[in-house]
Amino acid sequence: MPSPEVEVEVAGSACVTGWESNEETNAIVCQPESACPSQEKETVLIRYDVLCYSE
């Protein structure tokens, strides 16, 4: 099954790198050493397209 396009934004800034999608746990994992790690109480916005399948 294909993965949807995922966009991550931290405190209003787009994060193109520094994170990865973990399909097994259905989570976004941010790397602490990345250019845009999240800090306590910062908003993290994750956008993705919902995929619909019919049989």
Protein backbone atom coordinates (compact mmCIF):
# COMPACT_ATOMS: atom_id res chain seq x y z
CA MET A 1 0.00 0.00 0.00
CA PRO A 2 1.49 3.43 -0.90
CA SER A 3 2.29 5.99 1.80
CA PRO A 4 0.55 9.36 1.68
CA GLU A 5 2.55 12.56 1.25
CA VAL A 6 3.37 13.92 4.72
CA GLU A 7 4.27 17.52 5.64
CA VAL A 8 5.57 18.51 9.08
CA GLU A 9 5.56 22.04 10.51
CA VAL A 10 6.98 23.10 13.90
CA ALA A 11 6.01 26.48 15.39
CA GLY A 12 4.91 27.73 11.96
CA SER A 13 8.07 26.66 10.10
CA ALA A 14 8.10 23.87 7.52
CA CYS A 15 10.37 20.95 8.40
CA VAL A 16 11.49 19.30 5.19
CA THR A 17 14.16 17.18 6.91
CA GLY A 18 14.89 16.07 10.46
CA TRP A 19 11.96 13.73 10.88
CA GLU A 20 10.80 10.35 9.63
CA SER A 21 7.50 8.56 9.36
CA ASN A 22 7.28 5.27 11.28
CA GLU A 23 4.50 3.28 9.63
CA GLU A 24 4.74 0.45 12.17
CA THR A 25 3.85 2.74 15.10
CA ASN A 26 1.91 5.29 12.98
CA ALA A 27 4.12 8.08 14.33
CA ILE A 28 6.27 10.99 13.19
CA VAL A 29 9.69 10.79 14.85
CA CYS A 30 11.58 14.10 15.06
CA GLN A 31 15.35 14.01 15.30
CA PRO A 32 16.58 16.16 18.24
CA GLU A 33 19.66 17.31 16.29
CA SER A 34 17.60 18.49 13.29
CA ALA A 35 17.25 22.10 12.15
CA CYS A 36 13.71 22.33 13.54
CA PRO A 37 13.23 20.15 16.62
CA SER A 38 10.09 20.84 18.62
CA GLN A 39 10.37 22.41 22.04
CA GLU A 40 7.95 21.96 24.94
CA LYS A 41 4.54 23.57 24.25
CA GLU A 42 5.33 24.32 20.57
CA THR A 43 2.70 23.42 18.02
CA VAL A 44 3.58 20.57 15.67
CA LEU A 45 1.34 20.35 12.61
CA ILE A 46 1.26 17.22 10.47
CA ARG A 47 -0.56 17.30 7.13
CA TYR A 48 -1.26 14.30 4.95
CA ASP A 49 -3.73 13.12 2.34
CA VAL A 50 -6.16 10.44 3.39
CA LEU A 51 -6.07 7.48 1.02
CA CYS A 52 -9.33 5.72 0.27
CA TYR A 53 -9.50 2.25 -1.21
CA SER A 54 -12.52 0.41 -2.49
CA GLU A 55 -12.79 -3.25 -3.26
